[in-house]
PDB file of N, CA and C in Angstrom:
ATOM      1  N   UNK A   1      48.087-106.804 -15.060  1.00  0.00           N
ATOM      2  CA  UNK A   1      48.803-106.606 -16.273  1.00  0.00           C
ATOM      3  C   UNK A   1      49.790-105.343 -16.033  1.00  0.00           C
ATOM      4  N   UNK A   2      50.978-105.395 -16.467  1.00  0.00           N
ATOM      5  CA  UNK A   2      51.900-104.485 -16.256  1.00  0.00           C
ATOM      6  C   UNK A   2      51.683-103.198 -17.258  1.00  0.00           C
ATOM      7  N   UNK A   3      52.211-102.002 -16.973  1.00  0.00           N
ATOM      8  CA  UNK A   3      52.009-100.948 -17.875  1.00  0.00           C
ATOM      9  C   UNK A   3      52.545-101.091 -19.281  1.00  0.00           C
ATOM     10  N   UNK A   4      53.586-101.825 -19.295  1.00  0.00           N
ATOM     11  CA  UNK A   4      54.165-102.166 -20.724  1.00  0.00           C
ATOM     12  C   UNK A   4      53.317-103.066 -21.392  1.00  0.00           C
ATOM     13  N   UNK A   5      52.707-103.977 -20.720  1.00  0.00           N
ATOM     14  CA  UNK A   5      51.709-104.872 -21.405  1.00  0.00           C
ATOM     15  C   UNK A   5      50.529-104.133 -21.920  1.00  0.00           C
ATOM     16  N   UNK A   6      49.996-103.231 -21.084  1.00  0.00           N
ATOM     17  CA  UNK A   6      48.929-102.414 -21.556  1.00  0.00           C
ATOM     18  C   UNK A   6      49.240-101.630 -22.784  1.00  0.00           C
ATOM     19  N   UNK A   7      50.377-100.970 -22.805  1.00  0.00           N
ATOM     20  CA  UNK A   7      50.721-100.262 -23.864  1.00  0.00           C
ATOM     21  C   UNK A   7      50.893-101.006 -25.206  1.00  0.00           C
ATOM     22  N   UNK A   8      51.543-102.257 -25.035  1.00  0.00           N
ATOM     23  CA  UNK A   8      51.655-103.073 -26.075  1.00  0.00           C
ATOM     24  C   UNK A   8      50.230-103.642 -26.618  1.00  0.00           C
ATOM     25  N   UNK A   9      49.408-103.950 -25.816  1.00  0.00           N
ATOM     26  CA  UNK A   9      48.134-104.352 -26.259  1.00  0.00           C
ATOM     27  C   UNK A   9      47.283-103.175 -26.928  1.00  0.00           C
ATOM     28  N   UNK A  10      47.352-102.032 -26.382  1.00  0.00           N
ATOM     29  CA  UNK A  10      46.733-100.803 -26.999  1.00  0.00           C
ATOM     30  C   UNK A  10      47.248-100.492 -28.394  1.00  0.00           C
ATOM     31  N   UNK A  11      48.636-100.706 -28.422  1.00  0.00           N
ATOM     32  CA  UNK A  11      49.367-100.502 -29.795  1.00  0.00           C
ATOM     33  C   UNK A  11      48.874-101.430 -30.800  1.00  0.00           C
ATOM     34  N   UNK A  12      48.844-102.669 -30.317  1.00  0.00           N
ATOM     35  CA  UNK A  12      48.371-103.783 -31.422  1.00  0.00           C
ATOM     36  C   UNK A  12      46.933-103.511 -31.732  1.00  0.00           C
ATOM     37  N   UNK A  13      45.997-103.122 -30.865  1.00  0.00           N
ATOM     38  CA  UNK A  13      44.668-102.927 -31.226  1.00  0.00           C
ATOM     39  C   UNK A  13      44.489-101.660 -32.086  1.00  0.00           C
ATOM     40  N   UNK A  14      45.183-100.570 -31.689  1.00  0.00           N
ATOM     41  CA  UNK A  14      45.190 -99.327 -32.561  1.00  0.00           C
ATOM     42  C   UNK A  14      45.720 -99.627 -34.016  1.00  0.00           C
ATOM     43  N   UNK A  15      46.715-100.478 -34.094  1.00  0.00           N
ATOM     44  CA  UNK A  15      47.297-100.776 -35.400  1.00  0.00           C
ATOM     45  C   UNK A  15      46.372-101.522 -36.156  1.00  0.00           C
ATOM     46  N   UNK A  16      45.563-102.443 -35.608  1.00  0.00           N
ATOM     47  CA  UNK A  16      44.510-103.365 -36.252  1.00  0.00           C
ATOM     48  C   UNK A  16      43.460-102.371 -36.763  1.00  0.00           C
ATOM     49  N   UNK A  17      42.974-101.495 -35.888  1.00  0.00           N
ATOM     50  CA  UNK A  17      41.956-100.515 -36.304  1.00  0.00           C
ATOM     51  C   UNK A  17      42.404 -99.701 -37.544  1.00  0.00           C
ATOM     52  N   UNK A  18      43.516 -99.117 -37.395  1.00  0.00           N
ATOM     53  CA  UNK A  18      44.045 -98.365 -38.632  1.00  0.00           C
ATOM     54  C   UNK A  18      44.040 -99.070 -39.862  1.00  0.00           C
ATOM     55  N   UNK A  19      44.679-100.387 -39.710  1.00  0.00           N
ATOM     56  CA  UNK A  19      44.789-101.175 -40.912  1.00  0.00           C
ATOM     57  C   UNK A  19      43.293-101.476 -41.465  1.00  0.00           C
ATOM     58  N   UNK A  20      42.461-101.769 -40.716  1.00  0.00           N
ATOM     59  CA  UNK A  20      41.071-102.219 -41.083  1.00  0.00           C
ATOM     60  C   UNK A  20      40.366-100.985 -41.856  1.00  0.00           C
ATOM     61  N   UNK A  21      40.579 -99.810 -41.153  1.00  0.00           N
ATOM     62  CA  UNK A  21      40.018 -98.507 -41.874  1.00  0.00           C
ATOM     63  C   UNK A  21      40.742 -98.211 -43.182  1.00  0.00           C
ATOM     64  N   UNK A  22      42.087 -98.489 -43.244  1.00  0.00           N
ATOM     65  CA  UNK A  22      42.717 -98.244 -44.560  1.00  0.00           C
ATOM     66  C   UNK A  22      42.204 -99.172 -45.541  1.00  0.00           C
ATOM     67  N   UNK A  23      42.054-100.363 -45.106  1.00  0.00           N
ATOM     68  CA  UNK A  23      41.657-101.310 -46.105  1.00  0.00           C
ATOM     69  C   UNK A  23      40.196-101.014 -46.698  1.00  0.00           C
ATOM     70  N   UNK A  24      39.354-100.578 -45.833  1.00  0.00           N
ATOM     71  CA  UNK A  24      37.894-100.114 -46.318  1.00  0.00           C
ATOM     72  C   UNK A  24      38.081 -99.037 -47.270  1.00  0.00           C
ATOM     73  N   UNK A  25      39.079 -98.169 -47.035  1.00  0.00           N
ATOM     74  CA  UNK A  25      39.127 -96.984 -48.045  1.00  0.00           C
ATOM     75  C   UNK A  25      40.192 -97.248 -49.291  1.00  0.00           C
ATOM     76  N   UNK A  26      40.613 -98.519 -49.220  1.00  0.00           N
ATOM     77  CA  UNK A  26      41.534 -99.056 -50.405  1.00  0.00           C
ATOM     78  C   UNK A  26      42.724 -98.177 -50.357  1.00  0.00           C
ATOM     79  N   UNK A  27      43.236 -97.649 -49.322  1.00  0.00           N
ATOM     80  CA  UNK A  27      44.449 -96.932 -49.342  1.00  0.00           C
ATOM     81  C   UNK A  27      45.734 -97.648 -48.762  1.00  0.00           C
ATOM     82  N   UNK A  28      45.517 -98.853 -48.428  1.00  0.00           N
ATOM     83  CA  UNK A  28      46.671 -99.778 -48.045  1.00  0.00           C
ATOM     84  C   UNK A  28      46.449-101.153 -48.648  1.00  0.00           C
ATOM     85  N   UNK A  29      47.431-101.697 -49.239  1.00  0.00           N
ATOM     86  CA  UNK A  29      47.285-103.022 -49.751  1.00  0.00           C
ATOM     87  C   UNK A  29      47.416-104.111 -48.712  1.00  0.00           C
ATOM     88  N   UNK A  30      46.588-105.232 -48.877  1.00  0.00           N
ATOM     89  CA  UNK A  30      46.709-106.273 -47.852  1.00  0.00           C
ATOM     90  C   UNK A  30      48.075-106.752 -47.642  1.00  0.00           C
ATOM     91  N   UNK A  31      48.939-106.699 -48.550  1.00  0.00           N
ATOM     92  CA  UNK A  31      50.280-107.231 -48.569  1.00  0.00           C
ATOM     93  C   UNK A  31      51.014-106.276 -47.469  1.00  0.00           C
ATOM     94  N   UNK A  32      50.649-105.035 -47.446  1.00  0.00           N
ATOM     95  CA  UNK A  32      51.508-104.226 -46.557  1.00  0.00           C
ATOM     96  C   UNK A  32      50.875-104.312 -45.058  1.00  0.00           C
ATOM     97  N   UNK A  33      49.805-104.930 -44.882  1.00  0.00           N
ATOM     98  CA  UNK A  33      49.118-105.021 -43.589  1.00  0.00           C
ATOM     99  C   UNK A  33      49.697-106.229 -42.784  1.00  0.00           C
ATOM    100  N   UNK A  34      50.404-107.114 -43.380  1.00  0.00           N
ATOM    101  CA  UNK A  34      50.845-108.375 -42.795  1.00  0.00           C
ATOM    102  C   UNK A  34      51.780-107.921 -41.601  1.00  0.00           C
ATOM    103  N   UNK A  35      51.614-108.786 -40.499  1.00  0.00           N
ATOM    104  CA  UNK A  35      52.705-108.590 -39.428  1.00  0.00           C
ATOM    105  C   UNK A  35      53.854-109.445 -39.654  1.00  0.00           C
ATOM    106  N   UNK A  36      54.995-108.804 -39.512  1.00  0.00           N
ATOM    107  CA  UNK A  36      56.311-109.542 -39.854  1.00  0.00           C
ATOM    108  C   UNK A  36      56.813-110.019 -38.447  1.00  0.00           C
ATOM    109  N   UNK A  37      57.018-111.342 -38.563  1.00  0.00           N
ATOM    110  CA  UNK A  37      57.492-112.018 -37.319  1.00  0.00           C
ATOM    111  C   UNK A  37      59.008-111.867 -37.317  1.00  0.00           C
ATOM    112  N   UNK A  38      59.501-111.496 -36.166  1.00  0.00           N
ATOM    113  CA  UNK A  38      60.980-111.469 -35.913  1.00  0.00           C
ATOM    114  C   UNK A  38      61.349-112.560 -34.739  1.00  0.00           C
ATOM    115  N   UNK A  39      60.298-113.233 -34.332  1.00  0.00           N
ATOM    116  CA  UNK A  39      60.566-114.251 -33.179  1.00  0.00           C
ATOM    117  C   UNK A  39      60.871-115.600 -33.808  1.00  0.00           C
ATOM    118  N   UNK A  40      62.232-116.021 -33.676  1.00  0.00           N
ATOM    119  CA  UNK A  40      62.570-117.183 -34.179  1.00  0.00           C
ATOM    120  C   UNK A  40      61.773-118.505 -33.583  1.00  0.00           C
ATOM    121  N   UNK A  41      61.345-119.357 -34.562  1.00  0.00           N
ATOM    122  CA  UNK A  41      60.504-120.497 -33.971  1.00  0.00           C
ATOM    123  C   UNK A  41      61.292-121.789 -34.188  1.00  0.00           C
ATOM    124  N   UNK A  42      61.118-122.607 -33.319  1.00  0.00           N
ATOM    125  CA  UNK A  42      61.755-123.999 -33.337  1.00  0.00           C
ATOM    126  C   UNK A  42      60.648-125.031 -33.754  1.00  0.00           C
ATOM    127  N   UNK A  43      61.073-125.983 -34.757  1.00  0.00           N
ATOM    128  CA  UNK A  43      60.194-126.925 -35.134  1.00  0.00           C
ATOM    129  C   UNK A  43      59.957-127.926 -33.915  1.00  0.00           C
ATOM    130  N   UNK A  44      58.742-128.343 -33.857  1.00  0.00           N
ATOM    131  CA  UNK A  44      58.410-129.323 -32.728  1.00  0.00           C
ATOM    132  C   UNK A  44      57.718-130.647 -33.293  1.00  0.00           C
ATOM    133  N   UNK A  45      57.865-131.625 -32.514  1.00  0.00           N
ATOM    134  CA  UNK A  45      57.139-132.892 -32.897  1.00  0.00           C
ATOM    135  C   UNK A  45      55.722-132.860 -32.277  1.00  0.00           C
ATOM    136  N   UNK A  46      54.671-132.566 -33.183  1.00  0.00           N
ATOM    137  CA  UNK A  46      53.257-132.399 -32.785  1.00  0.00           C
ATOM    138  C   UNK A  46      52.380-132.804 -33.861  1.00  0.00           C
ATOM    139  N   UNK A  47      51.194-133.162 -33.703  1.00  0.00           N
ATOM    140  CA  UNK A  47      50.244-133.497 -34.733  1.00  0.00           C
ATOM    141  C   UNK A  47      49.596-132.086 -35.108  1.00  0.00           C
ATOM    142  N   UNK A  48      49.574-131.187 -34.330  1.00  0.00           N
ATOM    143  CA  UNK A  48      48.783-129.909 -34.614  1.00  0.00           C
ATOM    144  C   UNK A  48      49.522-128.623 -34.777  1.00  0.00           C
ATOM    145  N   UNK A  49      50.899-128.757 -34.135  1.00  0.00           N
ATOM    146  CA  UNK A  49      51.743-127.491 -33.977  1.00  0.00           C
ATOM    147  C   UNK A  49      52.967-127.782 -34.975  1.00  0.00           C
ATOM    148  N   UNK A  50      53.385-126.982 -35.731  1.00  0.00           N
ATOM    149  CA  UNK A  50      54.632-127.034 -36.525  1.00  0.00           C
ATOM    150  C   UNK A  50      55.793-126.535 -35.879  1.00  0.00           C
ATOM    151  N   UNK A  51      55.636-125.231 -35.199  1.00  0.00           N
ATOM    152  CA  UNK A  51      56.816-124.662 -34.649  1.00  0.00           C
ATOM    153  C   UNK A  51      56.415-123.645 -33.586  1.00  0.00           C
ATOM    154  N   UNK A  52      57.231-123.458 -32.561  1.00  0.00           N
ATOM    155  CA  UNK A  52      57.052-122.484 -31.453  1.00  0.00           C
ATOM    156  C   UNK A  52      58.233-121.542 -31.318  1.00  0.00           C
ATOM    157  N   UNK A  53      57.846-120.336 -31.005  1.00  0.00           N
ATOM    158  CA  UNK A  53      58.936-119.323 -30.602  1.00  0.00           C
ATOM    159  C   UNK A  53      58.464-118.605 -29.507  1.00  0.00           C
ATOM    160  N   UNK A  54      59.382-117.969 -28.801  1.00  0.00           N
ATOM    161  CA  UNK A  54      59.105-117.075 -27.586  1.00  0.00           C
ATOM    162  C   UNK A  54      59.983-115.946 -27.481  1.00  0.00           C
ATOM    163  N   UNK A  55      59.407-114.783 -27.004  1.00  0.00           N
ATOM    164  CA  UNK A  55      60.278-113.613 -26.832  1.00  0.00           C
ATOM    165  C   UNK A  55      60.247-113.387 -25.303  1.00  0.00           C
ATOM    166  N   UNK A  56      61.311-113.635 -24.414  1.00  0.00           N
ATOM    167  CA  UNK A  56      61.461-113.428 -23.096  1.00  0.00           C
ATOM    168  C   UNK A  56      61.296-111.982 -22.782  1.00  0.00           C
ATOM    169  N   UNK A  57      61.800-111.032 -23.617  1.00  0.00           N
ATOM    170  CA  UNK A  57      61.709-109.605 -23.305  1.00  0.00           C
ATOM    171  C   UNK A  57      60.300-109.188 -23.355  1.00  0.00           C
ATOM    172  N   UNK A  58      59.424-109.698 -24.462  1.00  0.00           N
ATOM    173  CA  UNK A  58      58.206-109.133 -24.606  1.00  0.00           C
ATOM    174  C   UNK A  58      57.025-110.042 -24.085  1.00  0.00           C
ATOM    175  N   UNK A  59      57.456-111.222 -23.658  1.00  0.00           N
ATOM    176  CA  UNK A  59      56.501-112.224 -23.059  1.00  0.00           C
ATOM    177  C   UNK A  59      55.516-112.597 -24.117  1.00  0.00           C
ATOM    178  N   UNK A  60      55.860-112.826 -25.396  1.00  0.00           N
ATOM    179  CA  UNK A  60      55.143-113.242 -26.564  1.00  0.00           C
ATOM    180  C   UNK A  60      55.442-114.501 -26.911  1.00  0.00           C
ATOM    181  N   UNK A  61      54.357-115.434 -27.059  1.00  0.00           N
ATOM    182  CA  UNK A  61      54.465-116.863 -27.544  1.00  0.00           C
ATOM    183  C   UNK A  61      54.019-116.782 -28.978  1.00  0.00           C
ATOM    184  N   UNK A  62      54.678-117.394 -29.836  1.00  0.00           N
ATOM    185  CA  UNK A  62      54.265-117.427 -31.316  1.00  0.00           C
ATOM    186  C   UNK A  62      54.233-118.897 -31.659  1.00  0.00           C
ATOM    187  N   UNK A  63      53.159-119.265 -32.244  1.00  0.00           N
ATOM    188  CA  UNK A  63      52.859-120.689 -32.577  1.00  0.00           C
ATOM    189  C   UNK A  63      52.450-120.735 -34.032  1.00  0.00           C
ATOM    190  N   UNK A  64      53.135-121.619 -34.713  1.00  0.00           N
ATOM    191  CA  UNK A  64      52.768-121.946 -36.177  1.00  0.00           C
ATOM    192  C   UNK A  64      52.139-123.337 -36.119  1.00  0.00           C
ATOM    193  N   UNK A  65      50.945-123.387 -36.633  1.00  0.00           N
ATOM    194  CA  UNK A  65      50.073-124.576 -36.640  1.00  0.00           C
ATOM    195  C   UNK A  65      50.386-125.331 -37.992  1.00  0.00           C
ATOM    196  N   UNK A  66      50.180-126.625 -37.999  1.00  0.00           N
ATOM    197  CA  UNK A  66      50.429-127.399 -39.158  1.00  0.00           C
ATOM    198  C   UNK A  66      49.585-126.962 -40.429  1.00  0.00           C
ATOM    199  N   UNK A  67      48.584-126.338 -40.144  1.00  0.00           N
ATOM    200  CA  UNK A  67      47.663-125.735 -41.328  1.00  0.00           C
ATOM    201  C   UNK A  67      48.219-124.481 -41.775  1.00  0.00           C
ATOM    202  N   UNK A  68      49.399-123.997 -41.348  1.00  0.00           N
ATOM    203  CA  UNK A  68      50.081-122.792 -41.882  1.00  0.00           C
ATOM    204  C   UNK A  68      49.727-121.503 -41.070  1.00  0.00           C
ATOM    205  N   UNK A  69      48.780-121.613 -40.224  1.00  0.00           N
ATOM    206  CA  UNK A  69      48.288-120.399 -39.490  1.00  0.00           C
ATOM    207  C   UNK A  69      49.419-120.069 -38.324  1.00  0.00           C
ATOM    208  N   UNK A  70      49.679-118.855 -38.187  1.00  0.00           N
ATOM    209  CA  UNK A  70      50.545-118.392 -37.056  1.00  0.00           C
ATOM    210  C   UNK A  70      49.814-117.374 -36.197  1.00  0.00           C
ATOM    211  N   UNK A  71      49.885-117.716 -34.843  1.00  0.00           N
ATOM    212  CA  UNK A  71      49.259-116.906 -33.883  1.00  0.00           C
ATOM    213  C   UNK A  71      50.324-116.420 -32.985  1.00  0.00           C
ATOM    214  N   UNK A  72      50.101-115.152 -32.428  1.00  0.00           N
ATOM    215  CA  UNK A  72      50.970-114.667 -31.303  1.00  0.00           C
ATOM    216  C   UNK A  72      50.075-114.432 -30.143  1.00  0.00           C
ATOM    217  N   UNK A  73      50.532-114.973 -29.010  1.00  0.00           N
ATOM    218  CA  UNK A  73      49.932-115.014 -27.716  1.00  0.00           C
ATOM    219  C   UNK A  73      50.652-113.876 -26.714  1.00  0.00           C
ATOM    220  N   UNK A  74      49.819-113.008 -26.189  1.00  0.00           N
ATOM    221  CA  UNK A  74      50.531-111.968 -25.455  1.00  0.00           C
ATOM    222  C   UNK A  74      50.508-112.250 -23.946  1.00  0.00           C
ATOM    223  N   UNK A  75      51.415-111.736 -23.174  1.00  0.00           N
ATOM    224  CA  UNK A  75      51.471-111.848 -21.670  1.00  0.00           C
ATOM    225  C   UNK A  75      51.679-113.243 -21.257  1.00  0.00           C
ATOM    226  N   UNK A  76      52.412-114.113 -22.006  1.00  0.00           N
ATOM    227  CA  UNK A  76      52.686-115.575 -21.603  1.00  0.00           C
ATOM    228  C   UNK A  76      53.927-115.549 -20.728  1.00  0.00           C
ATOM    229  N   UNK A  77      53.814-116.104 -19.652  1.00  0.00           N
ATOM    230  CA  UNK A  77      55.022-116.162 -18.777  1.00  0.00           C
ATOM    231  C   UNK A  77      56.138-117.256 -19.267  1.00  0.00           C
ATOM    232  N   UNK A  78      57.375-117.112 -18.953  1.00  0.00           N
ATOM    233  CA  UNK A  78      58.442-118.054 -19.350  1.00  0.00           C
ATOM    234  C   UNK A  78      58.066-119.460 -18.900  1.00  0.00           C
ATOM    235  N   UNK A  79      57.326-119.696 -17.746  1.00  0.00           N
ATOM    236  CA  UNK A  79      56.971-120.957 -17.137  1.00  0.00           C
ATOM    237  C   UNK A  79      56.119-121.637 -18.107  1.00  0.00           C
ATOM    238  N   UNK A  80      55.150-120.861 -18.665  1.00  0.00           N
ATOM    239  CA  UNK A  80      54.099-121.581 -19.635  1.00  0.00           C
ATOM    240  C   UNK A  80      54.869-121.959 -20.908  1.00  0.00           C
ATOM    241  N   UNK A  81      55.840-121.139 -21.348  1.00  0.00           N
ATOM    242  CA  UNK A  81      56.398-121.505 -22.554  1.00  0.00           C
ATOM    243  C   UNK A  81      57.378-122.883 -22.294  1.00  0.00           C
ATOM    244  N   UNK A  82      58.022-122.850 -21.132  1.00  0.00           N
ATOM    245  CA  UNK A  82      58.870-123.987 -20.813  1.00  0.00           C
ATOM    246  C   UNK A  82      58.014-125.276 -20.694  1.00  0.00           C
ATOM    247  N   UNK A  83      56.886-125.192 -19.975  1.00  0.00           N
ATOM    248  CA  UNK A  83      55.872-126.262 -19.900  1.00  0.00           C
ATOM    249  C   UNK A  83      55.421-126.723 -21.209  1.00  0.00           C
ATOM    250  N   UNK A  84      55.161-125.709 -22.083  1.00  0.00           N
ATOM    251  CA  UNK A  84      54.707-126.233 -23.527  1.00  0.00           C
ATOM    252  C   UNK A  84      55.740-127.008 -24.159  1.00  0.00           C
ATOM    253  N   UNK A  85      56.979-126.410 -24.048  1.00  0.00           N
ATOM    254  CA  UNK A  85      58.055-127.153 -24.773  1.00  0.00           C
ATOM    255  C   UNK A  85      58.431-128.575 -24.289  1.00  0.00           C
ATOM    256  N   UNK A  86      58.142-128.721 -23.053  1.00  0.00           N
ATOM    257  CA  UNK A  86      58.541-129.976 -22.509  1.00  0.00           C
ATOM    258  C   UNK A  86      57.327-130.946 -22.368  1.00  0.00           C
ATOM    259  N   UNK A  87      56.065-130.609 -22.776  1.00  0.00           N
ATOM    260  CA  UNK A  87      54.939-131.220 -22.717  1.00  0.00           C
ATOM    261  C   UNK A  87      54.950-132.451 -23.622  1.00  0.00           C
ATOM    262  N   UNK A  88      54.455-133.598 -23.278  1.00  0.00           N
ATOM    263  CA  UNK A  88      54.458-134.722 -24.060  1.00  0.00           C
ATOM    264  C   UNK A  88      53.502-134.595 -25.363  1.00  0.00           C
ATOM    265  N   UNK A  89      52.445-133.829 -25.091  1.00  0.00           N
ATOM    266  CA  UNK A  89      51.381-133.404 -26.191  1.00  0.00           C
ATOM    267  C   UNK A  89      51.383-131.911 -26.193  1.00  0.00           C
ATOM    268  N   UNK A  90      52.154-131.361 -27.111  1.00  0.00           N
ATOM    269  CA  UNK A  90      52.123-129.892 -27.219  1.00  0.00           C
ATOM    270  C   UNK A  90      50.769-129.443 -27.622  1.00  0.00           C
ATOM    271  N   UNK A  91      50.025-130.192 -28.519  1.00  0.00           N
ATOM    272  CA  UNK A  91      48.760-129.526 -28.972  1.00  0.00           C
ATOM    273  C   UNK A  91      47.817-129.744 -27.673  1.00  0.00           C
ATOM    274  N   UNK A  92      47.826-130.743 -26.993  1.00  0.00           N
ATOM    275  CA  UNK A  92      46.967-131.017 -25.828  1.00  0.00           C
ATOM    276  C   UNK A  92      47.296-129.847 -24.768  1.00  0.00           C
ATOM    277  N   UNK A  93      48.533-129.508 -24.556  1.00  0.00           N
ATOM    278  CA  UNK A  93      48.862-128.499 -23.583  1.00  0.00           C
ATOM    279  C   UNK A  93      48.375-127.187 -24.143  1.00  0.00           C
ATOM    280  N   UNK A  94      48.552-126.917 -25.371  1.00  0.00           N
ATOM    281  CA  UNK A  94      47.988-125.699 -25.983  1.00  0.00           C
ATOM    282  C   UNK A  94      46.458-125.614 -25.702  1.00  0.00           C
ATOM    283  N   UNK A  95      45.778-126.619 -26.044  1.00  0.00           N
ATOM    284  CA  UNK A  95      44.384-126.532 -25.817  1.00  0.00           C
ATOM    285  C   UNK A  95      43.847-126.425 -24.422  1.00  0.00           C
ATOM    286  N   UNK A  96      44.569-126.926 -23.527  1.00  0.00           N
ATOM    287  CA  UNK A  96      44.190-126.847 -21.993  1.00  0.00           C
ATOM    288  C   UNK A  96      44.780-125.553 -21.414  1.00  0.00           C
ATOM    289  N   UNK A  97      45.784-125.050 -21.831  1.00  0.00           N
ATOM    290  CA  UNK A  97      46.477-123.962 -21.117  1.00  0.00           C
ATOM    291  C   UNK A  97      46.755-122.574 -21.863  1.00  0.00           C
ATOM    292  N   UNK A  98      46.470-122.623 -23.125  1.00  0.00           N
ATOM    293  CA  UNK A  98      46.836-121.367 -23.846  1.00  0.00           C
ATOM    294  C   UNK A  98      45.683-120.875 -24.602  1.00  0.00           C
ATOM    295  N   UNK A  99      45.093-121.631 -25.503  1.00  0.00           N
ATOM    296  CA  UNK A  99      44.083-121.331 -26.279  1.00  0.00           C
ATOM    297  C   UNK A  99      42.784-120.775 -25.336  1.00  0.00           C
ATOM    298  N   UNK A 100      42.454-119.468 -25.627  1.00  0.00           N
ATOM    299  CA  UNK A 100      41.501-118.779 -25.151  1.00  0.00           C
ATOM    300  C   UNK A 100      41.847-118.152 -23.711  1.00  0.00           C
ATOM    301  N   UNK A 101      43.053-118.365 -23.200  1.00  0.00           N
ATOM    302  CA  UNK A 101      43.450-117.822 -22.015  1.00  0.00           C
ATOM    303  C   UNK A 101      44.416-116.643 -22.004  1.00  0.00           C
ATOM    304  N   UNK A 102      44.819-116.266 -23.323  1.00  0.00           N
ATOM    305  CA  UNK A 102      45.729-115.162 -23.491  1.00  0.00           C
ATOM    306  C   UNK A 102      45.283-114.298 -24.709  1.00  0.00           C
ATOM    307  N   UNK A 103      45.412-112.952 -24.584  1.00  0.00           N
ATOM    308  CA  UNK A 103      45.130-112.127 -25.776  1.00  0.00           C
ATOM    309  C   UNK A 103      46.025-112.656 -27.011  1.00  0.00           C
ATOM    310  N   UNK A 104      45.410-112.638 -28.130  1.00  0.00           N
ATOM    311  CA  UNK A 104      46.107-113.300 -29.338  1.00  0.00           C
ATOM    312  C   UNK A 104      45.917-112.352 -30.590  1.00  0.00           C
ATOM    313  N   UNK A 105      46.983-112.478 -31.431  1.00  0.00           N
ATOM    314  CA  UNK A 105      46.902-111.774 -32.718  1.00  0.00           C
ATOM    315  C   UNK A 105      47.168-112.670 -33.758  1.00  0.00           C
ATOM    316  N   UNK A 106      46.385-112.734 -34.839  1.00  0.00           N
ATOM    317  CA  UNK A 106      46.712-113.628 -35.962  1.00  0.00           C
ATOM    318  C   UNK A 106      47.890-112.974 -36.823  1.00  0.00           C
ATOM    319  N   UNK A 107      48.917-113.783 -36.860  1.00  0.00           N
ATOM    320  CA  UNK A 107      50.065-113.232 -37.703  1.00  0.00           C
ATOM    321  C   UNK A 107      49.890-113.627 -39.166  1.00  0.00           C
ATOM    322  N   UNK A 108      49.412-114.809 -39.376  1.00  0.00           N
ATOM    323  CA  UNK A 108      49.187-115.303 -40.751  1.00  0.00           C
ATOM    324  C   UNK A 108      48.037-116.292 -40.740  1.00  0.00           C
ATOM    325  N   UNK A 109      47.147-116.294 -41.667  1.00  0.00           N
ATOM    326  CA  UNK A 109      45.814-117.131 -41.776  1.00  0.00           C
ATOM    327  C   UNK A 109      46.402-118.502 -42.191  1.00  0.00           C
ATOM    328  N   UNK A 110      45.498-119.441 -41.940  1.00  0.00           N
ATOM    329  CA  UNK A 110      45.873-120.861 -42.387  1.00  0.00           C
ATOM    330  C   UNK A 110      46.012-120.818 -43.864  1.00  0.00           C
ATOM    331  N   UNK A 111      46.634-121.762 -44.406  1.00  0.00           N
ATOM    332  CA  UNK A 111      46.852-121.844 -45.758  1.00  0.00           C
ATOM    333  C   UNK A 111      45.857-122.814 -46.313  1.00  0.00           C
ATOM    334  N   UNK A 112      45.059-122.346 -47.205  1.00  0.00           N
ATOM    335  CA  UNK A 112      44.001-123.180 -47.694  1.00  0.00           C
ATOM    336  C   UNK A 112      44.577-124.132 -48.869  1.00  0.00           C
ATOM    337  N   UNK A 113      44.179-125.486 -48.694  1.00  0.00           N
ATOM    338  CA  UNK A 113      44.683-126.449 -49.703  1.00  0.00           C
ATOM    339  C   UNK A 113      43.867-126.190 -50.986  1.00  0.00           C
ATOM    340  N   UNK A 114      44.545-126.214 -52.190  1.00  0.00           N
ATOM    341  CA  UNK A 114      43.789-126.141 -53.481  1.00  0.00           C
ATOM    342  C   UNK A 114      43.147-127.448 -53.771  1.00  0.00           C
ATOM    343  N   UNK A 115      42.038-127.278 -54.340  1.00  0.00           N
ATOM    344  CA  UNK A 115      41.270-128.565 -54.805  1.00  0.00           C
ATOM    345  C   UNK A 115      41.459-128.663 -56.190  1.00  0.00           C
ATOM    346  N   UNK A 116      41.789-129.813 -56.459  1.00  0.00           N
ATOM    347  CA  UNK A 116      42.064-130.154 -58.000  1.00  0.00           C
ATOM    348  C   UNK A 116      40.920-130.773 -58.629  1.00  0.00           C
TER     349      UNK A 116
END
């Protein structure tokens, strides 16, 4: 892992801890703790994935799932992003090659369907 990657990971972890502590103290509203995504995502044809974005500079892969959840995966090489985008089954490629293999941060939780 590069020095830049270590600092990015430490920053993300420290940010999450500060947010969690602030929420316990009721000093920060949940709305202010949300991560703002500036990584443009492209819609994809997939049963499980709605859109995919990638930052070449930061090596961050961002995936929006059809349930509304958005996750950011750190230290993803450009070749993994290219392979994902060209895979016949993007959800299958994700399950085999990305899920559980990279540090991740939840950007947005899944959207719960309202029951009538």
